[in-house]
PDB file of N, CA and C in Angstrom:
ATOM      1  N   MET A   1     -26.794  16.819 -41.155  1.00  0.00           N
ATOM      2  CA  MET A   1     -25.721  15.890 -41.433  1.00  0.00           C
ATOM      3  C   MET A   1     -24.385  16.391 -40.892  1.00  0.00           C
ATOM      4  N   THR A   2     -24.311  17.628 -40.544  1.00  0.00           N
ATOM      5  CA  THR A   2     -23.045  18.144 -40.044  1.00  0.00           C
ATOM      6  C   THR A   2     -22.940  17.871 -38.550  1.00  0.00           C
ATOM      7  N   GLY A   3     -21.732  17.509 -38.140  1.00  0.00           N
ATOM      8  CA  GLY A   3     -21.491  17.235 -36.725  1.00  0.00           C
ATOM      9  C   GLY A   3     -20.981  18.465 -36.016  1.00  0.00           C
ATOM     10  N   ASP A   4     -20.759  18.313 -34.733  1.00  0.00           N
ATOM     11  CA  ASP A   4     -20.210  19.419 -33.965  1.00  0.00           C
ATOM     12  C   ASP A   4     -18.741  19.597 -34.307  1.00  0.00           C
ATOM     13  N   VAL A   5     -18.308  20.843 -34.351  1.00  0.00           N
ATOM     14  CA  VAL A   5     -16.909  21.153 -34.608  1.00  0.00           C
ATOM     15  C   VAL A   5     -16.164  21.040 -33.282  1.00  0.00           C
ATOM     16  N   VAL A   6     -15.082  20.259 -33.321  1.00  0.00           N
ATOM     17  CA  VAL A   6     -14.327  19.998 -32.098  1.00  0.00           C
ATOM     18  C   VAL A   6     -12.885  20.425 -32.309  1.00  0.00           C
ATOM     19  N   ASN A   7     -12.352  21.158 -31.364  1.00  0.00           N
ATOM     20  CA  ASN A   7     -10.956  21.535 -31.404  1.00  0.00           C
ATOM     21  C   ASN A   7     -10.154  20.339 -30.885  1.00  0.00           C
ATOM     22  N   LEU A   8      -9.340  19.746 -31.740  1.00  0.00           N
ATOM     23  CA  LEU A   8      -8.636  18.519 -31.380  1.00  0.00           C
ATOM     24  C   LEU A   8      -7.625  18.740 -30.259  1.00  0.00           C
ATOM     25  N   ARG A   9      -7.008  19.886 -30.215  1.00  0.00           N
ATOM     26  CA  ARG A   9      -6.037  20.166 -29.163  1.00  0.00           C
ATOM     27  C   ARG A   9      -6.730  20.148 -27.796  1.00  0.00           C
ATOM     28  N   GLN A  10      -7.863  20.824 -27.707  1.00  0.00           N
ATOM     29  CA  GLN A  10      -8.611  20.838 -26.456  1.00  0.00           C
ATOM     30  C   GLN A  10      -9.142  19.449 -26.107  1.00  0.00           C
ATOM     31  N   PHE A  11      -9.543  18.720 -27.101  1.00  0.00           N
ATOM     32  CA  PHE A  11     -10.048  17.360 -26.878  1.00  0.00           C
ATOM     33  C   PHE A  11      -8.944  16.471 -26.304  1.00  0.00           C
ATOM     34  N   ARG A  12      -7.730  16.557 -26.865  1.00  0.00           N
ATOM     35  CA  ARG A  12      -6.602  15.764 -26.365  1.00  0.00           C
ATOM     36  C   ARG A  12      -6.259  16.137 -24.928  1.00  0.00           C
ATOM     37  N   LYS A  13      -6.254  17.437 -24.641  1.00  0.00           N
ATOM     38  CA  LYS A  13      -5.939  17.887 -23.288  1.00  0.00           C
ATOM     39  C   LYS A  13      -6.994  17.400 -22.290  1.00  0.00           C
ATOM     40  N   GLN A  14      -8.254  17.480 -22.671  1.00  0.00           N
ATOM     41  CA  GLN A  14      -9.325  17.024 -21.781  1.00  0.00           C
ATOM     42  C   GLN A  14      -9.226  15.521 -21.545  1.00  0.00           C
ATOM     43  N   LYS A  15      -8.888  14.774 -22.576  1.00  0.00           N
ATOM     44  CA  LYS A  15      -8.735  13.322 -22.449  1.00  0.00           C
ATOM     45  C   LYS A  15      -7.569  13.002 -21.518  1.00  0.00           C
ATOM     46  N   ALA A  16      -6.467  13.738 -21.650  1.00  0.00           N
ATOM     47  CA  ALA A  16      -5.310  13.521 -20.784  1.00  0.00           C
ATOM     48  C   ALA A  16      -5.658  13.834 -19.332  1.00  0.00           C
ATOM     49  N   ARG A  17      -6.442  14.886 -19.112  1.00  0.00           N
ATOM     50  CA  ARG A  17      -6.851  15.246 -17.744  1.00  0.00           C
ATOM     51  C   ARG A  17      -7.692  14.151 -17.110  1.00  0.00           C
ATOM     52  N   THR A  18      -8.633  13.606 -17.864  1.00  0.00           N
ATOM     53  CA  THR A  18      -9.498  12.568 -17.309  1.00  0.00           C
ATOM     54  C   THR A  18      -8.699  11.298 -17.008  1.00  0.00           C
ATOM     55  N   GLU A  19      -7.720  10.969 -17.851  1.00  0.00           N
ATOM     56  CA  GLU A  19      -6.878   9.806 -17.582  1.00  0.00           C
ATOM     57  C   GLU A  19      -6.024  10.028 -16.338  1.00  0.00           C
ATOM     58  N   LYS A  20      -5.506  11.245 -16.195  1.00  0.00           N
ATOM     59  CA  LYS A  20      -4.714  11.585 -15.013  1.00  0.00           C
ATOM     60  C   LYS A  20      -5.560  11.486 -13.756  1.00  0.00           C
ATOM     61  N   ASP A  21      -6.795  11.975 -13.829  1.00  0.00           N
ATOM     62  CA  ASP A  21      -7.694  11.921 -12.682  1.00  0.00           C
ATOM     63  C   ASP A  21      -8.018  10.483 -12.289  1.00  0.00           C
ATOM     64  N   SER A  22      -8.235   9.624 -13.276  1.00  0.00           N
ATOM     65  CA  SER A  22      -8.546   8.234 -12.951  1.00  0.00           C
ATOM     66  C   SER A  22      -7.336   7.543 -12.325  1.00  0.00           C
ATOM     67  N   THR A  23      -6.126   7.854 -12.811  1.00  0.00           N
ATOM     68  CA  THR A  23      -4.914   7.296 -12.213  1.00  0.00           C
ATOM     69  C   THR A  23      -4.748   7.795 -10.785  1.00  0.00           C
ATOM     70  N   ALA A  24      -5.033   9.062 -10.561  1.00  0.00           N
ATOM     71  CA  ALA A  24      -4.924   9.634  -9.220  1.00  0.00           C
ATOM     72  C   ALA A  24      -5.924   8.979  -8.269  1.00  0.00           C
ATOM     73  N   ASP A  25      -7.125   8.710  -8.737  1.00  0.00           N
ATOM     74  CA  ASP A  25      -8.126   8.037  -7.906  1.00  0.00           C
ATOM     75  C   ASP A  25      -7.662   6.645  -7.505  1.00  0.00           C
ATOM     76  N   GLN A  26      -7.084   5.923  -8.446  1.00  0.00           N
ATOM     77  CA  GLN A  26      -6.580   4.582  -8.154  1.00  0.00           C
ATOM     78  C   GLN A  26      -5.440   4.644  -7.143  1.00  0.00           C
ATOM     79  N   ASN A  27      -4.555   5.619  -7.267  1.00  0.00           N
ATOM     80  CA  ASN A  27      -3.445   5.762  -6.329  1.00  0.00           C
ATOM     81  C   ASN A  27      -3.939   6.143  -4.939  1.00  0.00           C
ATOM     82  N   ARG A  28      -4.977   6.963  -4.866  1.00  0.00           N
ATOM     83  CA  ARG A  28      -5.533   7.320  -3.562  1.00  0.00           C
ATOM     84  C   ARG A  28      -6.067   6.086  -2.848  1.00  0.00           C
ATOM     85  N   ILE A  29      -6.696   5.205  -3.601  1.00  0.00           N
ATOM     86  CA  ILE A  29      -7.227   3.975  -3.016  1.00  0.00           C
ATOM     87  C   ILE A  29      -6.086   3.061  -2.594  1.00  0.00           C
ATOM     88  N   SER A  30      -5.078   2.924  -3.431  1.00  0.00           N
ATOM     89  CA  SER A  30      -3.990   1.995  -3.158  1.00  0.00           C
ATOM     90  C   SER A  30      -3.054   2.482  -2.064  1.00  0.00           C
ATOM     91  N   PHE A  31      -2.669   3.746  -2.100  1.00  0.00           N
ATOM     92  CA  PHE A  31      -1.609   4.243  -1.224  1.00  0.00           C
ATOM     93  C   PHE A  31      -2.075   5.250  -0.191  1.00  0.00           C
ATOM     94  N   GLY A  32      -3.265   5.749  -0.322  1.00  0.00           N
ATOM     95  CA  GLY A  32      -3.714   6.817   0.563  1.00  0.00           C
ATOM     96  C   GLY A  32      -4.230   6.298   1.889  1.00  0.00           C
ATOM     97  N   ARG A  33      -3.368   6.266   2.875  1.00  0.00           N
ATOM     98  CA  ARG A  33      -3.775   5.892   4.225  1.00  0.00           C
ATOM     99  C   ARG A  33      -3.401   7.025   5.155  1.00  0.00           C
ATOM    100  N   THR A  34      -4.222   7.231   6.148  1.00  0.00           N
ATOM    101  CA  THR A  34      -3.940   8.301   7.084  1.00  0.00           C
ATOM    102  C   THR A  34      -2.806   7.896   8.013  1.00  0.00           C
ATOM    103  N   LYS A  35      -2.256   8.871   8.702  1.00  0.00           N
ATOM    104  CA  LYS A  35      -1.167   8.613   9.632  1.00  0.00           C
ATOM    105  C   LYS A  35      -1.634   7.680  10.750  1.00  0.00           C
ATOM    106  N   ALA A  36      -2.864   7.862  11.206  1.00  0.00           N
ATOM    107  CA  ALA A  36      -3.415   7.016  12.263  1.00  0.00           C
ATOM    108  C   ALA A  36      -3.540   5.566  11.803  1.00  0.00           C
ATOM    109  N   GLU A  37      -3.955   5.354  10.561  1.00  0.00           N
ATOM    110  CA  GLU A  37      -4.066   3.995  10.037  1.00  0.00           C
ATOM    111  C   GLU A  37      -2.703   3.328   9.953  1.00  0.00           C
ATOM    112  N   LYS A  38      -1.698   4.087   9.512  1.00  0.00           N
ATOM    113  CA  LYS A  38      -0.347   3.539   9.433  1.00  0.00           C
ATOM    114  C   LYS A  38       0.169   3.175  10.821  1.00  0.00           C
ATOM    115  N   GLN A  39      -0.078   4.053  11.807  1.00  0.00           N
ATOM    116  CA  GLN A  39       0.372   3.802  13.180  1.00  0.00           C
ATOM    117  C   GLN A  39      -0.329   2.582  13.757  1.00  0.00           C
ATOM    118  N   LEU A  40      -1.621   2.429  13.501  1.00  0.00           N
ATOM    119  CA  LEU A  40      -2.369   1.279  13.994  1.00  0.00           C
ATOM    120  C   LEU A  40      -1.809  -0.018  13.416  1.00  0.00           C
ATOM    121  N   THR A  41      -1.540  -0.033  12.125  1.00  0.00           N
ATOM    122  CA  THR A  41      -0.971  -1.214  11.489  1.00  0.00           C
ATOM    123  C   THR A  41       0.394  -1.540  12.075  1.00  0.00           C
ATOM    124  N   ARG A  42       1.221  -0.530  12.266  1.00  0.00           N
ATOM    125  CA  ARG A  42       2.557  -0.732  12.834  1.00  0.00           C
ATOM    126  C   ARG A  42       2.461  -1.313  14.246  1.00  0.00           C
ATOM    127  N   THR A  43       1.530  -0.767  15.060  1.00  0.00           N
ATOM    128  CA  THR A  43       1.346  -1.234  16.429  1.00  0.00           C
ATOM    129  C   THR A  43       0.864  -2.686  16.464  1.00  0.00           C
ATOM    130  N   LEU A  44      -0.090  -3.014  15.615  1.00  0.00           N
ATOM    131  CA  LEU A  44      -0.594  -4.390  15.573  1.00  0.00           C
ATOM    132  C   LEU A  44       0.483  -5.363  15.129  1.00  0.00           C
ATOM    133  N   ASN A  45       1.312  -4.966  14.167  1.00  0.00           N
ATOM    134  CA  ASN A  45       2.402  -5.831  13.717  1.00  0.00           C
ATOM    135  C   ASN A  45       3.427  -6.043  14.819  1.00  0.00           C
ATOM    136  N   ASP A  46       3.755  -4.988  15.556  1.00  0.00           N
ATOM    137  CA  ASP A  46       4.701  -5.115  16.663  1.00  0.00           C
ATOM    138  C   ASP A  46       4.155  -6.031  17.746  1.00  0.00           C
ATOM    139  N   LYS A  47       2.878  -5.883  18.068  1.00  0.00           N
ATOM    140  CA  LYS A  47       2.253  -6.713  19.094  1.00  0.00           C
ATOM    141  C   LYS A  47       2.264  -8.188  18.673  1.00  0.00           C
ATOM    142  N   ALA A  48       1.949  -8.456  17.419  1.00  0.00           N
ATOM    143  CA  ALA A  48       1.950  -9.835  16.932  1.00  0.00           C
ATOM    144  C   ALA A  48       3.362 -10.412  16.946  1.00  0.00           C
ATOM    145  N   SER A  49       4.341  -9.602  16.607  1.00  0.00           N
ATOM    146  CA  SER A  49       5.727 -10.056  16.608  1.00  0.00           C
ATOM    147  C   SER A  49       6.184 -10.392  18.026  1.00  0.00           C
ATOM    148  N   LYS A  50       5.830  -9.564  18.998  1.00  0.00           N
ATOM    149  CA  LYS A  50       6.199  -9.827  20.391  1.00  0.00           C
ATOM    150  C   LYS A  50       5.534 -11.099  20.901  1.00  0.00           C
ATOM    151  N   ALA A  51       4.274 -11.299  20.553  1.00  0.00           N
ATOM    152  CA  ALA A  51       3.563 -12.498  20.987  1.00  0.00           C
ATOM    153  C   ALA A  51       4.206 -13.747  20.383  1.00  0.00           C
ATOM    154  N   LEU A  52       4.654 -13.642  19.165  1.00  0.00           N
ATOM    155  CA  LEU A  52       5.312 -14.768  18.515  1.00  0.00           C
ATOM    156  C   LEU A  52       6.653 -15.061  19.167  1.00  0.00           C
ATOM    157  N   ASP A  53       7.409 -14.011  19.490  1.00  0.00           N
ATOM    158  CA  ASP A  53       8.705 -14.195  20.136  1.00  0.00           C
ATOM    159  C   ASP A  53       8.566 -14.789  21.533  1.00  0.00           C
ATOM    160  N   GLN A  54       7.492 -14.476  22.236  1.00  0.00           N
ATOM    161  CA  GLN A  54       7.283 -15.003  23.578  1.00  0.00           C
ATOM    162  C   GLN A  54       7.043 -16.510  23.556  1.00  0.00           C
ATOM    163  N   GLY A  55       6.530 -17.015  22.467  1.00  0.00           N
ATOM    164  CA  GLY A  55       6.227 -18.442  22.377  1.00  0.00           C
ATOM    165  C   GLY A  55       7.401 -19.288  21.924  1.00  0.00           C
ATOM    166  N   LYS A  56       8.515 -18.665  21.582  1.00  0.00           N
ATOM    167  CA  LYS A  56       9.666 -19.419  21.091  1.00  0.00           C
ATOM    168  C   LYS A  56      10.375 -20.125  22.240  1.00  0.00           C
ATOM    169  N   ARG A  57      10.917 -21.281  21.942  1.00  0.00           N
ATOM    170  CA  ARG A  57      11.697 -22.026  22.914  1.00  0.00           C
ATOM    171  C   ARG A  57      13.148 -21.615  22.787  1.00  0.00           C
ATOM    172  N   GLU A  58      13.793 -21.452  23.913  1.00  0.00           N
ATOM    173  CA  GLU A  58      15.202 -21.095  23.901  1.00  0.00           C
ATOM    174  C   GLU A  58      16.030 -22.370  23.839  1.00  0.00           C
ATOM    175  N   THR A  59      17.051 -22.354  22.988  1.00  0.00           N
ATOM    176  CA  THR A  59      17.943 -23.501  22.876  1.00  0.00           C
ATOM    177  C   THR A  59      19.332 -23.058  23.301  1.00  0.00           C
ATOM    178  N   SER A  60      20.099 -24.022  23.807  1.00  0.00           N
ATOM    179  CA  SER A  60      21.455 -23.680  24.232  1.00  0.00           C
ATOM    180  C   SER A  60      22.339 -23.495  23.011  1.00  0.00           C
ATOM    181  N   ALA A  61      23.399 -22.715  23.169  1.00  0.00           N
ATOM    182  CA  ALA A  61      24.298 -22.423  22.065  1.00  0.00           C
ATOM    183  C   ALA A  61      25.177 -23.619  21.731  1.00  0.00           C
ATOM    184  N   GLU A  62      25.491 -24.440  22.755  1.00  0.00           N
ATOM    185  CA  GLU A  62      26.360 -25.600  22.524  1.00  0.00           C
ATOM    186  C   GLU A  62      25.499 -26.868  22.428  1.00  0.00           C
ATOM    187  N   PRO A  63      25.785 -27.715  21.459  1.00  0.00           N
ATOM    188  CA  PRO A  63      25.037 -28.955  21.364  1.00  0.00           C
ATOM    189  C   PRO A  63      25.430 -29.891  22.506  1.00  0.00           C
ATOM    190  N   GLU A  64      24.459 -30.606  23.051  1.00  0.00           N
ATOM    191  CA  GLU A  64      24.733 -31.511  24.157  1.00  0.00           C
ATOM    192  C   GLU A  64      25.189 -32.866  23.606  1.00  0.00           C
ATOM    193  N   ASP A  65      26.284 -33.369  24.174  1.00  0.00           N
ATOM    194  CA  ASP A  65      26.793 -34.677  23.795  1.00  0.00           C
ATOM    195  C   ASP A  65      26.321 -35.705  24.808  1.00  0.00           C
ATOM    196  N   GLY A  66      26.248 -36.934  24.380  1.00  0.00           N
ATOM    197  CA  GLY A  66      25.804 -38.011  25.261  1.00  0.00           C
ATOM    198  C   GLY A  66      26.889 -38.513  26.189  1.00  0.00           C
ATOM    199  N   ASN A  67      28.107 -38.003  26.141  1.00  0.00           N
ATOM    200  CA  ASN A  67      29.204 -38.482  26.970  1.00  0.00           C
ATOM    201  C   ASN A  67      29.185 -37.931  28.315  1.00  0.00           C
TER     202      ASN A  67
END
């Protein structure tokens, strides 16, 4: 009928460690990208932006009047 004797201080510390580890795992998934991945994303965004700018029509600065 007797249970295992548990040191509550050690139990709290172990629980805090496991929570910290799970938070760290989530952050690695969310924010952990390699330098190469960041550079690739930056390059693709720049390329898409340039392609979009090339398709824009240029308008004159002064409005044309019918006179």
